[in-house]
Amino acid sequence: RILENIELANKLGFKPIKINTVLLKGFNDGEILDFCEFAAKTNTFVRFIEFMPVGDNKWNEDKIIKKEDVLKIISSKYSFKKIEDHYNTTSTDYQLSNGGIIGLITPITNHFCKYCNKIRILANGNIRPCLLSNNEISLFDIIKKRDSKNFLKTVQKAIDMKPKNHNIINDKGGGNDTPMSSIGG
């Protein structure tokens, strides 16, 4: 069903179709080349994400697969070229020789917080300035009242709250203890 919907999204012209996969050493690192092939065959943008301590996921630093190791695995089959994109601040993207496009998101080994330009509005009406933090501001009443002036002020407040760096590994209670499925990530 998922593959059929990816095909349908392609037919309907949705671009880009992003497929996020969290890499875990010893679990799915043997599938990296398969995902590269999948990206080319399905015209999707596959993004490999470092394993992060979010929610109750039994995080262990030893399960992280570093960017250099991912690129080494990819280079065993494909050549690739870095895509320069000044708008995408969280992913380093590459065009593969098979036509696929992949991205590497490295929040643990390569903090990109000071360049991050992302905020999230969650299904519960809250705005979260940083994925790796529990900080949220409610937009629910502002949206319900269609209060555009306060909406813009609140969004600006959330942007101003964005940290210059996260400390999620060492943070005592200030990290993200919300499951990604609840956040939309």
N, C-alpha and C. Protein backbone atom coordinates (compact mmCIF):
# COMPACT_ATOMS: atom_id res chain seq x y z
N ARG A 1 0.82 -1.20 0.00
CA ARG A 1 0.00 0.00 0.00
C ARG A 1 0.87 1.26 0.00
N ILE A 2 1.94 1.24 0.77
CA ILE A 2 2.83 2.39 0.83
C ILE A 2 3.46 2.65 -0.53
N LEU A 3 3.95 1.61 -1.17
CA LEU A 3 4.57 1.76 -2.49
C LEU A 3 3.57 2.28 -3.52
N GLU A 4 2.33 1.80 -3.44
CA GLU A 4 1.29 2.28 -4.36
C GLU A 4 1.04 3.78 -4.14
N ASN A 5 1.05 4.20 -2.89
CA ASN A 5 0.81 5.62 -2.60
C ASN A 5 1.99 6.49 -3.00
N ILE A 6 3.20 5.98 -2.91
CA ILE A 6 4.36 6.73 -3.41
C ILE A 6 4.24 6.90 -4.92
N GLU A 7 3.85 5.84 -5.60
CA GLU A 7 3.66 5.91 -7.06
C GLU A 7 2.55 6.91 -7.41
N LEU A 8 1.46 6.89 -6.66
CA LEU A 8 0.36 7.82 -6.89
C LEU A 8 0.82 9.26 -6.66
N ALA A 9 1.56 9.50 -5.58
CA ALA A 9 2.06 10.85 -5.30
C ALA A 9 2.94 11.35 -6.44
N ASN A 10 3.76 10.46 -7.01
CA ASN A 10 4.57 10.82 -8.18
C ASN A 10 3.69 11.19 -9.36
N LYS A 11 2.68 10.37 -9.63
CA LYS A 11 1.78 10.63 -10.76
C LYS A 11 1.05 11.95 -10.60
N LEU A 12 0.71 12.30 -9.35
CA LEU A 12 -0.01 13.54 -9.09
C LEU A 12 0.90 14.76 -9.05
N GLY A 13 2.21 14.53 -9.16
CA GLY A 13 3.16 15.64 -9.25
C GLY A 13 3.68 16.18 -7.93
N PHE A 14 3.47 15.46 -6.84
CA PHE A 14 4.04 15.91 -5.57
C PHE A 14 5.55 15.85 -5.63
N LYS A 15 6.21 16.96 -5.31
CA LYS A 15 7.67 17.04 -5.35
C LYS A 15 8.17 17.91 -4.21
N PRO A 16 9.19 17.57 -3.53
CA PRO A 16 9.80 16.25 -3.53
C PRO A 16 9.04 15.31 -2.59
N ILE A 17 9.12 14.05 -2.87
CA ILE A 17 8.58 13.03 -1.97
C ILE A 17 9.76 12.57 -1.13
N LYS A 18 9.69 12.86 0.15
CA LYS A 18 10.80 12.55 1.05
C LYS A 18 10.51 11.29 1.86
N ILE A 19 11.48 10.40 1.86
CA ILE A 19 11.40 9.19 2.66
C ILE A 19 12.49 9.30 3.73
N ASN A 20 12.10 9.39 4.98
CA ASN A 20 13.05 9.48 6.08
C ASN A 20 13.29 8.09 6.66
N THR A 21 14.55 7.77 6.89
CA THR A 21 14.88 6.51 7.56
C THR A 21 15.97 6.76 8.59
N VAL A 22 15.72 6.31 9.80
CA VAL A 22 16.71 6.42 10.86
C VAL A 22 17.62 5.22 10.74
N LEU A 23 18.91 5.49 10.65
CA LEU A 23 19.88 4.41 10.53
C LEU A 23 20.32 3.94 11.91
N LEU A 24 20.36 2.62 12.08
CA LEU A 24 20.82 2.00 13.32
C LEU A 24 21.90 0.98 12.99
N LYS A 25 23.07 1.19 13.56
CA LYS A 25 24.18 0.26 13.33
C LYS A 25 23.78 -1.14 13.78
N GLY A 26 23.99 -2.11 12.90
CA GLY A 26 23.66 -3.49 13.22
C GLY A 26 22.21 -3.86 13.01
N PHE A 27 21.39 -2.89 12.58
CA PHE A 27 19.98 -3.17 12.36
C PHE A 27 19.59 -2.98 10.90
N ASN A 28 19.79 -1.77 10.38
CA ASN A 28 19.40 -1.53 8.99
C ASN A 28 20.51 -0.92 8.15
N ASP A 29 21.74 -0.92 8.67
CA ASP A 29 22.85 -0.36 7.89
C ASP A 29 23.15 -1.18 6.64
N GLY A 30 22.71 -2.42 6.60
CA GLY A 30 22.86 -3.24 5.41
C GLY A 30 21.88 -2.89 4.31
N GLU A 31 20.98 -1.95 4.55
CA GLU A 31 19.97 -1.55 3.58
C GLU A 31 20.26 -0.20 2.93
N ILE A 32 21.39 0.40 3.26
CA ILE A 32 21.70 1.74 2.74
C ILE A 32 21.72 1.75 1.22
N LEU A 33 22.40 0.79 0.60
CA LEU A 33 22.46 0.74 -0.87
C LEU A 33 21.09 0.44 -1.47
N ASP A 34 20.30 -0.38 -0.78
CA ASP A 34 18.93 -0.64 -1.25
C ASP A 34 18.10 0.65 -1.27
N PHE A 35 18.28 1.47 -0.24
CA PHE A 35 17.56 2.75 -0.21
C PHE A 35 18.04 3.68 -1.32
N CYS A 36 19.32 3.63 -1.64
CA CYS A 36 19.84 4.45 -2.75
C CYS A 36 19.21 4.02 -4.07
N GLU A 37 19.05 2.73 -4.25
CA GLU A 37 18.40 2.20 -5.45
C GLU A 37 16.93 2.58 -5.46
N PHE A 38 16.29 2.50 -4.30
CA PHE A 38 14.88 2.86 -4.15
C PHE A 38 14.66 4.32 -4.53
N ALA A 39 15.56 5.20 -4.09
CA ALA A 39 15.45 6.63 -4.40
C ALA A 39 15.41 6.85 -5.91
N ALA A 40 16.28 6.15 -6.62
CA ALA A 40 16.34 6.32 -8.08
C ALA A 40 15.11 5.71 -8.76
N LYS A 41 14.71 4.52 -8.35
CA LYS A 41 13.60 3.83 -9.01
C LYS A 41 12.25 4.50 -8.77
N THR A 42 12.08 5.13 -7.61
CA THR A 42 10.78 5.70 -7.26
C THR A 42 10.74 7.22 -7.36
N ASN A 43 11.85 7.83 -7.80
CA ASN A 43 11.91 9.28 -7.90
C ASN A 43 11.58 9.95 -6.57
N THR A 44 12.15 9.38 -5.49
CA THR A 44 11.95 9.95 -4.16
C THR A 44 13.28 10.45 -3.62
N PHE A 45 13.20 11.21 -2.58
CA PHE A 45 14.36 11.78 -1.91
C PHE A 45 14.50 11.05 -0.58
N VAL A 46 15.46 10.14 -0.50
CA VAL A 46 15.67 9.36 0.71
C VAL A 46 16.64 10.10 1.62
N ARG A 47 16.21 10.29 2.88
CA ARG A 47 17.05 10.99 3.84
C ARG A 47 17.40 10.04 4.98
N PHE A 48 18.70 9.89 5.20
CA PHE A 48 19.20 9.05 6.27
C PHE A 48 19.41 9.93 7.50
N ILE A 49 18.80 9.56 8.61
CA ILE A 49 18.84 10.36 9.83
C ILE A 49 19.59 9.61 10.92
N GLU A 50 20.48 10.33 11.59
CA GLU A 50 21.17 9.73 12.73
C GLU A 50 20.18 9.38 13.83
N PHE A 51 20.45 8.31 14.50
CA PHE A 51 19.66 7.88 15.65
C PHE A 51 19.79 8.92 16.76
N MET A 52 18.64 9.43 17.24
CA MET A 52 18.62 10.51 18.23
C MET A 52 17.88 10.04 19.48
N PRO A 53 18.25 10.58 20.64
CA PRO A 53 17.54 10.23 21.87
C PRO A 53 16.26 11.04 22.01
N VAL A 54 15.22 10.60 21.35
CA VAL A 54 13.91 11.26 21.44
C VAL A 54 12.87 10.24 21.86
N GLY A 55 11.94 10.69 22.68
CA GLY A 55 10.95 9.77 23.22
C GLY A 55 11.64 8.72 24.08
N ASP A 56 11.06 7.57 24.15
CA ASP A 56 11.64 6.48 24.94
C ASP A 56 12.14 5.41 23.97
N ASN A 57 13.19 5.74 23.20
CA ASN A 57 13.64 4.85 22.13
C ASN A 57 14.89 4.05 22.48
N LYS A 58 15.25 4.00 23.77
CA LYS A 58 16.42 3.23 24.21
C LYS A 58 17.67 3.62 23.44
N TRP A 59 17.88 4.93 23.33
CA TRP A 59 19.00 5.47 22.57
C TRP A 59 20.33 4.99 23.13
N ASN A 60 21.24 4.70 22.21
CA ASN A 60 22.59 4.29 22.57
C ASN A 60 23.52 4.87 21.51
N GLU A 61 24.49 5.63 21.95
CA GLU A 61 25.42 6.30 21.02
C GLU A 61 26.14 5.30 20.11
N ASP A 62 26.34 4.08 20.57
CA ASP A 62 27.03 3.07 19.78
C ASP A 62 26.24 2.64 18.54
N LYS A 63 24.95 2.98 18.49
CA LYS A 63 24.11 2.61 17.35
C LYS A 63 24.10 3.66 16.25
N ILE A 64 24.79 4.80 16.48
CA ILE A 64 24.85 5.86 15.47
C ILE A 64 25.76 5.42 14.33
N ILE A 65 25.31 5.68 13.11
CA ILE A 65 26.14 5.47 11.92
C ILE A 65 26.51 6.87 11.43
N LYS A 66 27.78 7.17 11.45
CA LYS A 66 28.24 8.51 11.10
C LYS A 66 28.17 8.76 9.60
N LYS A 67 28.04 10.02 9.27
CA LYS A 67 27.93 10.48 7.88
C LYS A 67 29.05 9.90 7.00
N GLU A 68 30.28 9.95 7.50
CA GLU A 68 31.42 9.46 6.73
C GLU A 68 31.27 7.97 6.41
N ASP A 69 30.72 7.22 7.36
CA ASP A 69 30.53 5.78 7.15
C ASP A 69 29.43 5.51 6.12
N VAL A 70 28.38 6.31 6.17
CA VAL A 70 27.30 6.17 5.18
C VAL A 70 27.84 6.47 3.78
N LEU A 71 28.60 7.56 3.66
CA LEU A 71 29.16 7.92 2.35
C LEU A 71 30.15 6.86 1.85
N LYS A 72 30.89 6.25 2.75
CA LYS A 72 31.82 5.19 2.36
C LYS A 72 31.05 3.99 1.79
N ILE A 73 29.96 3.63 2.44
CA ILE A 73 29.13 2.52 1.95
C ILE A 73 28.56 2.87 0.58
N ILE A 74 28.04 4.08 0.45
CA ILE A 74 27.45 4.51 -0.84
C ILE A 74 28.50 4.52 -1.94
N SER A 75 29.71 4.97 -1.61
CA SER A 75 30.77 5.06 -2.63
C SER A 75 31.25 3.69 -3.09
N SER A 76 30.88 2.63 -2.39
CA SER A 76 31.25 1.29 -2.84
C SER A 76 30.48 0.89 -4.11
N LYS A 77 29.37 1.60 -4.38
CA LYS A 77 28.56 1.27 -5.56
C LYS A 77 28.31 2.47 -6.47
N TYR A 78 28.25 3.67 -5.90
CA TYR A 78 27.87 4.86 -6.67
C TYR A 78 28.89 5.97 -6.49
N SER A 79 29.01 6.79 -7.52
CA SER A 79 29.69 8.07 -7.32
C SER A 79 28.59 9.06 -6.96
N PHE A 80 28.96 10.16 -6.36
CA PHE A 80 27.96 11.13 -5.93
C PHE A 80 28.56 12.52 -5.91
N LYS A 81 27.66 13.50 -5.99
CA LYS A 81 28.06 14.90 -5.97
C LYS A 81 27.17 15.63 -4.98
N LYS A 82 27.78 16.45 -4.14
CA LYS A 82 27.03 17.23 -3.16
C LYS A 82 26.16 18.26 -3.88
N ILE A 83 24.94 18.38 -3.44
CA ILE A 83 24.01 19.36 -3.97
C ILE A 83 24.07 20.59 -3.07
N GLU A 84 24.43 21.72 -3.63
CA GLU A 84 24.47 22.96 -2.84
C GLU A 84 23.07 23.52 -2.76
N ASP A 85 22.55 23.62 -1.55
CA ASP A 85 21.20 24.13 -1.34
C ASP A 85 21.24 25.01 -0.09
N HIS A 86 21.13 26.29 -0.29
CA HIS A 86 21.24 27.22 0.83
C HIS A 86 19.95 27.33 1.64
N TYR A 87 18.87 26.70 1.19
CA TYR A 87 17.62 26.74 1.92
C TYR A 87 17.45 25.54 2.83
N ASN A 88 18.07 24.43 2.49
CA ASN A 88 17.97 23.23 3.29
C ASN A 88 19.11 23.24 4.30
N THR A 89 18.79 23.54 5.54
CA THR A 89 19.83 23.75 6.55
C THR A 89 20.07 22.54 7.44
N THR A 90 19.25 21.51 7.32
CA THR A 90 19.40 20.36 8.22
C THR A 90 19.91 19.11 7.52
N SER A 91 19.91 19.09 6.22
CA SER A 91 20.30 17.91 5.46
C SER A 91 21.42 18.26 4.48
N THR A 92 22.43 17.40 4.42
CA THR A 92 23.45 17.51 3.38
C THR A 92 23.03 16.54 2.28
N ASP A 93 22.79 17.05 1.09
CA ASP A 93 22.18 16.27 0.02
C ASP A 93 23.18 15.93 -1.08
N TYR A 94 22.94 14.77 -1.70
CA TYR A 94 23.83 14.27 -2.74
C TYR A 94 23.03 13.70 -3.90
N GLN A 95 23.50 13.98 -5.11
CA GLN A 95 22.99 13.37 -6.34
C GLN A 95 23.85 12.15 -6.61
N LEU A 96 23.23 10.98 -6.72
CA LEU A 96 23.96 9.74 -6.95
C LEU A 96 24.08 9.45 -8.44
N SER A 97 25.07 8.67 -8.81
CA SER A 97 25.28 8.34 -10.22
C SER A 97 24.15 7.51 -10.80
N ASN A 98 23.31 6.91 -9.96
CA ASN A 98 22.16 6.16 -10.47
C ASN A 98 20.94 7.05 -10.66
N GLY A 99 21.08 8.35 -10.39
CA GLY A 99 19.98 9.30 -10.55
C GLY A 99 19.25 9.59 -9.26
N GLY A 100 19.48 8.80 -8.23
CA GLY A 100 18.82 9.01 -6.95
C GLY A 100 19.38 10.22 -6.22
N ILE A 101 18.57 10.74 -5.33
CA ILE A 101 19.00 11.83 -4.45
C ILE A 101 18.84 11.35 -3.02
N ILE A 102 19.89 11.53 -2.23
CA ILE A 102 19.83 11.16 -0.82
C ILE A 102 20.27 12.37 0.02
N GLY A 103 19.85 12.35 1.26
CA GLY A 103 20.27 13.38 2.20
C GLY A 103 20.75 12.74 3.48
N LEU A 104 21.64 13.41 4.15
CA LEU A 104 22.14 12.95 5.44
C LEU A 104 21.83 14.01 6.49
N ILE A 105 21.12 13.61 7.53
CA ILE A 105 20.74 14.51 8.61
C ILE A 105 21.49 14.05 9.86
N THR A 106 22.38 14.92 10.36
CA THR A 106 23.33 14.53 11.41
C THR A 106 23.24 15.42 12.65
N PRO A 107 22.13 15.36 13.38
CA PRO A 107 21.98 16.26 14.52
C PRO A 107 22.88 15.93 15.71
N ILE A 108 23.39 14.72 15.80
CA ILE A 108 24.21 14.33 16.94
C ILE A 108 25.69 14.57 16.67
N THR A 109 26.20 14.11 15.54
CA THR A 109 27.64 14.24 15.26
C THR A 109 28.01 15.56 14.60
N ASN A 110 27.01 16.27 14.07
CA ASN A 110 27.30 17.55 13.41
C ASN A 110 26.15 18.51 13.71
N HIS A 111 26.24 19.18 14.84
CA HIS A 111 25.18 20.11 15.24
C HIS A 111 25.01 21.19 14.16
N PHE A 112 23.80 21.32 13.68
CA PHE A 112 23.49 22.33 12.67
C PHE A 112 22.50 23.35 13.19
N CYS A 113 22.29 23.35 14.51
CA CYS A 113 21.25 24.19 15.12
C CYS A 113 21.36 25.66 14.72
N LYS A 114 22.57 26.20 14.72
CA LYS A 114 22.69 27.64 14.45
C LYS A 114 22.29 27.99 13.02
N TYR A 115 22.19 27.00 12.13
CA TYR A 115 21.77 27.23 10.75
C TYR A 115 20.33 26.79 10.49
N CYS A 116 19.74 26.11 11.46
CA CYS A 116 18.41 25.52 11.26
C CYS A 116 17.35 26.61 11.09
N ASN A 117 16.55 26.48 10.05
CA ASN A 117 15.48 27.44 9.79
C ASN A 117 14.10 26.78 9.86
N LYS A 118 14.01 25.70 10.62
CA LYS A 118 12.77 24.93 10.68
C LYS A 118 12.04 25.17 12.00
N ILE A 119 10.72 25.24 11.92
CA ILE A 119 9.83 25.20 13.08
C ILE A 119 8.70 24.25 12.69
N ARG A 120 7.99 23.73 13.67
CA ARG A 120 6.90 22.80 13.38
C ARG A 120 5.63 23.26 14.05
N ILE A 121 4.53 23.19 13.33
CA ILE A 121 3.22 23.36 13.93
C ILE A 121 2.65 21.96 14.03
N LEU A 122 2.34 21.56 15.26
CA LEU A 122 1.89 20.21 15.54
C LEU A 122 0.37 20.10 15.40
N ALA A 123 -0.09 18.88 15.33
CA ALA A 123 -1.52 18.63 15.17
C ALA A 123 -2.33 19.15 16.35
N ASN A 124 -1.72 19.30 17.51
CA ASN A 124 -2.43 19.80 18.70
C ASN A 124 -2.52 21.32 18.74
N GLY A 125 -1.98 22.00 17.73
CA GLY A 125 -2.05 23.46 17.66
C GLY A 125 -0.87 24.15 18.32
N ASN A 126 0.13 23.40 18.73
CA ASN A 126 1.33 24.01 19.31
C ASN A 126 2.39 24.20 18.24
N ILE A 127 3.23 25.19 18.48
CA ILE A 127 4.37 25.42 17.60
C ILE A 127 5.61 25.00 18.39
N ARG A 128 6.48 24.24 17.75
CA ARG A 128 7.71 23.76 18.39
C ARG A 128 8.88 24.35 17.62
N PRO A 129 9.66 25.22 18.28
CA PRO A 129 10.78 25.86 17.59
C PRO A 129 11.95 24.94 17.30
N CYS A 130 12.08 23.85 18.09
CA CYS A 130 13.20 22.93 17.89
C CYS A 130 12.71 21.50 18.11
N LEU A 131 12.99 20.65 17.17
CA LEU A 131 12.59 19.25 17.25
C LEU A 131 13.21 18.56 18.46
N LEU A 132 14.40 18.98 18.85
CA LEU A 132 15.13 18.31 19.92
C LEU A 132 14.90 18.96 21.28
N SER A 133 13.77 19.61 21.45
CA SER A 133 13.43 20.27 22.70
C SER A 133 11.95 20.04 22.98
N ASN A 134 11.58 20.14 24.24
CA ASN A 134 10.17 20.04 24.63
C ASN A 134 9.47 21.39 24.60
N ASN A 135 10.19 22.47 24.30
CA ASN A 135 9.59 23.80 24.30
C ASN A 135 8.54 23.92 23.20
N GLU A 136 7.35 24.36 23.59
CA GLU A 136 6.25 24.58 22.65
C GLU A 136 5.46 25.80 23.08
N ILE A 137 4.82 26.43 22.12
CA ILE A 137 3.93 27.56 22.38
C ILE A 137 2.59 27.22 21.71
N SER A 138 1.51 27.45 22.41
CA SER A 138 0.20 27.14 21.86
C SER A 138 -0.24 28.18 20.83
N LEU A 139 -0.67 27.69 19.70
CA LEU A 139 -1.27 28.54 18.66
C LEU A 139 -2.77 28.26 18.53
N PHE A 140 -3.25 27.29 19.29
CA PHE A 140 -4.61 26.79 19.11
C PHE A 140 -5.66 27.91 19.16
N ASP A 141 -5.67 28.69 20.25
CA ASP A 141 -6.69 29.75 20.38
C ASP A 141 -6.51 30.86 19.34
N ILE A 142 -5.25 31.16 19.03
CA ILE A 142 -4.96 32.21 18.04
C ILE A 142 -5.49 31.80 16.67
N ILE A 143 -5.27 30.54 16.31
CA ILE A 143 -5.76 30.03 15.02
C ILE A 143 -7.29 29.98 15.04
N LYS A 144 -7.85 29.50 16.14
CA LYS A 144 -9.30 29.38 16.25
C LYS A 144 -9.99 30.75 16.11
N LYS A 145 -9.36 31.80 16.66
CA LYS A 145 -9.91 33.15 16.59
C LYS A 145 -9.53 33.87 15.29
N ARG A 146 -8.68 33.23 14.49
CA ARG A 146 -8.19 33.83 13.24
C ARG A 146 -7.52 35.18 13.52
N ASP A 147 -6.71 35.19 14.56
CA ASP A 147 -6.04 36.40 15.01
C ASP A 147 -4.67 36.49 14.34
N SER A 148 -4.63 37.05 13.14
CA SER A 148 -3.39 37.06 12.35
C SER A 148 -2.28 37.88 13.01
N LYS A 149 -2.64 38.96 13.71
CA LYS A 149 -1.63 39.78 14.36
C LYS A 149 -0.90 38.98 15.45
N ASN A 150 -1.66 38.32 16.33
CA ASN A 150 -1.05 37.51 17.38
C ASN A 150 -0.40 36.25 16.82
N PHE A 151 -0.92 35.76 15.71
CA PHE A 151 -0.30 34.60 15.08
C PHE A 151 1.14 34.94 14.68
N LEU A 152 1.31 36.05 13.99
CA LEU A 152 2.65 36.46 13.55
C LEU A 152 3.57 36.73 14.74
N LYS A 153 3.04 37.37 15.80
CA LYS A 153 3.84 37.64 17.00
C LYS A 153 4.29 36.33 17.64
N THR A 154 3.39 35.36 17.71
CA THR A 154 3.70 34.08 18.35
C THR A 154 4.69 33.29 17.53
N VAL A 155 4.55 33.30 16.23
CA VAL A 155 5.53 32.62 15.37
C VAL A 155 6.90 33.27 15.53
N GLN A 156 6.94 34.60 15.59
CA GLN A 156 8.22 35.29 15.80
C GLN A 156 8.82 34.93 17.15
N LYS A 157 7.97 34.84 18.18
CA LYS A 157 8.44 34.43 19.51
C LYS A 157 9.06 33.03 19.46
N ALA A 158 8.41 32.12 18.73
CA ALA A 158 8.95 30.76 18.59
C ALA A 158 10.29 30.77 17.86
N ILE A 159 10.39 31.56 16.82
CA ILE A 159 11.66 31.67 16.08
C ILE A 159 12.75 32.22 17.00
N ASP A 160 12.40 33.21 17.80
CA ASP A 160 13.38 33.79 18.74
C ASP A 160 13.82 32.78 19.80
N MET A 161 12.99 31.78 20.08
CA MET A 161 13.31 30.76 21.08
C MET A 161 14.23 29.66 20.54
N LYS A 162 14.46 29.65 19.24
CA LYS A 162 15.28 28.59 18.67
C LYS A 162 16.68 28.63 19.30
N PRO A 163 17.16 27.47 19.76
CA PRO A 163 18.49 27.45 20.38
C PRO A 163 19.60 27.53 19.34
N LYS A 164 20.74 28.02 19.76
CA LYS A 164 21.91 28.06 18.87
C LYS A 164 22.56 26.68 18.80
N ASN A 165 22.29 25.84 19.78
CA ASN A 165 22.84 24.49 19.82
C ASN A 165 21.98 23.66 20.76
N HIS A 166 21.85 22.39 20.47
CA HIS A 166 21.13 21.51 21.40
C HIS A 166 22.14 20.78 22.27
N ASN A 167 21.65 20.29 23.38
CA ASN A 167 22.47 19.50 24.28
C ASN A 167 21.68 18.27 24.70
N ILE A 168 21.03 17.67 23.72
CA ILE A 168 20.07 16.61 23.99
C ILE A 168 20.69 15.39 24.67
N ILE A 169 21.94 15.11 24.40
CA ILE A 169 22.57 13.92 25.00
C ILE A 169 22.84 14.15 26.49
N ASN A 170 23.26 15.34 26.86
CA ASN A 170 23.61 15.64 28.24
C ASN A 170 22.50 16.34 29.01
N ASP A 171 21.43 16.69 28.32
CA ASP A 171 20.36 17.49 28.91
C ASP A 171 19.58 16.66 29.93
N LYS A 172 19.37 17.21 31.09
CA LYS A 172 18.59 16.54 32.13
C LYS A 172 17.17 17.10 32.10
N GLY A 173 16.30 16.46 31.35
CA GLY A 173 14.91 16.87 31.31
C GLY A 173 14.59 17.95 30.31
N GLY A 174 15.57 18.52 29.64
CA GLY A 174 15.29 19.60 28.70
C GLY A 174 15.26 19.14 27.26
N GLY A 175 15.53 17.87 27.03
CA GLY A 175 15.53 17.35 25.67
C GLY A 175 14.13 17.02 25.21
N ASN A 176 14.05 16.23 24.19
CA ASN A 176 12.75 15.86 23.64
C ASN A 176 12.35 14.51 24.17
N ASP A 177 11.33 14.48 25.05
CA ASP A 177 10.85 13.19 25.53
C ASP A 177 9.53 12.81 24.86
N THR A 178 9.17 13.53 23.80
CA THR A 178 7.94 13.26 23.05
C THR A 178 8.26 12.34 21.88
N PRO A 179 7.51 11.25 21.70
CA PRO A 179 7.77 10.38 20.55
C PRO A 179 7.63 11.14 19.23
N MET A 180 8.48 10.81 18.27
CA MET A 180 8.45 11.49 16.97
C MET A 180 7.09 11.35 16.29
N SER A 181 6.41 10.23 16.50
CA SER A 181 5.11 10.04 15.87
C SER A 181 4.09 11.07 16.37
N SER A 182 4.28 11.58 17.58
CA SER A 182 3.38 12.61 18.12
C SER A 182 3.73 14.00 17.63
N ILE A 183 4.97 14.17 17.19
CA ILE A 183 5.44 15.48 16.74
C ILE A 183 5.17 15.66 15.25
N GLY A 184 5.23 14.58 14.51
CA GLY A 184 5.07 14.66 13.06
C GLY A 184 6.41 14.56 12.38
N GLY A 185 7.38 14.03 13.05
CA GLY A 185 8.71 13.86 12.47
C GLY A 185 9.06 12.41 12.35
